[in-house]
């Protein structure tokens, strides 16, 4: 999340919990805020706010960062087989490569001992 979004989350926690970050000197409060912002920037804004909403509904005490921070979902690798499919179709339509392909498949079937079938 962006710095301004992290600040919005921090302000929302402070608004929901009046006793949040009220202890210690002004310098201590600033340090607590800096650490919270540093940690919150690693998360997903929308999901963290959603979790804060749920947390504040169920809990009367202020959250820790771990209670509300939600990391962005990891992007899953989705392989792109389109080039492989195109190459196989090309091999099947070309008589020379089709013959070589069939020979290789026969060798593979023999090596697999009957496990590999069409």
Protein backbone atom coordinates (compact mmCIF):
# COMPACT_ATOMS: atom_id res chain seq x y z
CA UNK A 1 0.00 0.00 0.00
CA UNK A 2 1.04 3.58 -0.48
CA UNK A 3 2.25 5.77 2.39
CA UNK A 4 -0.95 7.86 2.40
CA UNK A 5 -3.06 4.69 2.51
CA UNK A 6 -1.00 3.37 5.44
CA UNK A 7 -1.61 6.69 7.19
CA UNK A 8 -5.35 6.30 6.57
CA UNK A 9 -5.29 2.86 8.21
CA UNK A 10 -3.34 4.25 11.17
CA UNK A 11 -5.80 7.14 11.53
CA UNK A 12 -8.74 4.74 11.32
CA UNK A 13 -7.28 2.64 14.16
CA UNK A 14 -6.79 5.83 16.21
CA UNK A 15 -10.37 6.95 15.48
CA UNK A 16 -11.84 3.57 16.39
CA UNK A 17 -9.78 3.14 19.55
CA UNK A 18 -9.34 6.34 21.54
CA UNK A 19 -6.71 4.71 23.79
CA UNK A 20 -4.56 3.71 20.80
CA UNK A 21 -1.02 5.16 20.85
CA UNK A 22 -1.78 7.42 23.83
CA UNK A 23 1.01 6.26 26.11
CA UNK A 24 4.50 7.67 26.42
CA UNK A 25 6.12 10.88 25.27
CA UNK A 26 5.38 12.60 21.97
CA UNK A 27 8.63 11.17 20.64
CA UNK A 28 7.53 7.64 21.58
CA UNK A 29 4.17 8.19 19.88
CA UNK A 30 5.94 9.38 16.70
CA UNK A 31 8.18 6.30 16.74
CA UNK A 32 5.18 4.00 17.18
CA UNK A 33 3.47 5.71 14.25
CA UNK A 34 6.59 5.38 12.06
CA UNK A 35 6.87 1.67 12.78
CA UNK A 36 3.17 1.11 12.12
CA UNK A 37 3.39 2.95 8.79
CA UNK A 38 6.53 1.02 7.82
CA UNK A 39 4.77 -2.29 8.51
CA UNK A 40 1.43 -1.27 6.97
CA UNK A 41 3.07 -0.25 3.67
CA UNK A 42 3.88 -3.91 3.11
CA UNK A 43 0.19 -4.81 3.04
CA UNK A 44 -2.81 -4.48 0.77
CA UNK A 45 -4.85 -1.37 1.62
CA UNK A 46 -8.31 -2.64 0.72
CA UNK A 47 -7.87 -6.01 2.43
CA UNK A 48 -6.28 -4.46 5.52
CA UNK A 49 -9.13 -1.97 5.89
CA UNK A 50 -11.61 -4.82 5.49
CA UNK A 51 -9.85 -6.78 8.24
CA UNK A 52 -9.76 -3.68 10.47
CA UNK A 53 -13.49 -3.29 9.96
CA UNK A 54 -14.07 -6.88 11.03
CA UNK A 55 -11.61 -6.61 13.91
CA UNK A 56 -13.24 -3.45 15.26
CA UNK A 57 -16.63 -5.15 15.19
CA UNK A 58 -15.40 -8.05 17.31
CA UNK A 59 -12.79 -6.48 19.62
CA UNK A 60 -12.91 -3.67 22.12
CA UNK A 61 -9.12 -3.42 22.48
CA UNK A 62 -6.82 -1.85 19.87
CA UNK A 63 -5.25 -4.20 17.33
CA UNK A 64 -1.62 -4.98 16.77
CA UNK A 65 -0.28 -4.72 13.24
CA UNK A 66 -0.48 -8.51 12.98
CA UNK A 67 -4.19 -8.43 13.83
CA UNK A 68 -5.13 -6.35 10.80
CA UNK A 69 -2.34 -6.42 8.21
CA UNK A 70 -3.15 -8.41 5.08
CA UNK A 71 -0.40 -8.92 2.53
CA UNK A 72 -1.20 -8.61 -1.16
CA UNK A 73 -2.16 -11.92 -2.74
CA UNK A 74 0.79 -13.62 -4.40
CA UNK A 75 0.55 -13.72 -8.14
CA UNK A 76 0.32 -17.28 -9.32
CA UNK A 77 2.45 -18.36 -12.21
CA UNK A 78 0.25 -19.49 -15.06
CA UNK A 79 2.29 -21.17 -17.74
CA UNK A 80 1.60 -20.19 -21.31
CA UNK A 81 1.55 -23.31 -23.46
CA UNK A 82 0.38 -21.59 -26.64
CA UNK A 83 3.86 -21.70 -28.22
CA UNK A 84 4.23 -25.39 -27.36
CA UNK A 85 0.79 -26.20 -28.76
CA UNK A 86 1.56 -24.30 -31.95
CA UNK A 87 4.87 -26.16 -32.33
CA UNK A 88 3.23 -29.60 -31.80
CA UNK A 89 0.49 -28.80 -34.33
CA UNK A 90 3.17 -27.71 -36.79
CA UNK A 91 5.10 -30.94 -36.20
CA UNK A 92 1.99 -33.03 -36.81
CA UNK A 93 1.16 -31.33 -40.12
CA UNK A 94 4.68 -31.48 -41.55
CA UNK A 95 5.28 -35.05 -42.88
CA UNK A 96 9.02 -34.99 -42.05
CA UNK A 97 8.64 -33.80 -38.48
CA UNK A 98 5.56 -36.02 -37.97
CA UNK A 99 7.65 -39.09 -38.81
CA UNK A 100 10.43 -38.03 -36.41
CA UNK A 101 7.84 -37.29 -33.75
CA UNK A 102 6.26 -40.72 -34.11
CA UNK A 103 9.65 -42.43 -33.84
CA UNK A 104 10.44 -40.52 -30.66
CA UNK A 105 7.02 -41.41 -29.21
CA UNK A 106 7.64 -45.12 -29.98
CA UNK A 107 10.98 -44.97 -28.14
CA UNK A 108 9.31 -43.21 -25.21
CA UNK A 109 6.54 -45.80 -25.04
CA UNK A 110 9.10 -48.61 -25.07
CA UNK A 111 11.15 -46.93 -22.34
CA UNK A 112 8.07 -46.40 -20.19
CA UNK A 113 7.18 -50.10 -20.39
CA UNK A 114 3.57 -49.74 -21.37
CA UNK A 115 2.72 -46.98 -18.88
CA UNK A 116 2.48 -44.34 -21.59
CA UNK A 117 -0.59 -44.66 -23.81
CA UNK A 118 -2.35 -42.41 -26.31
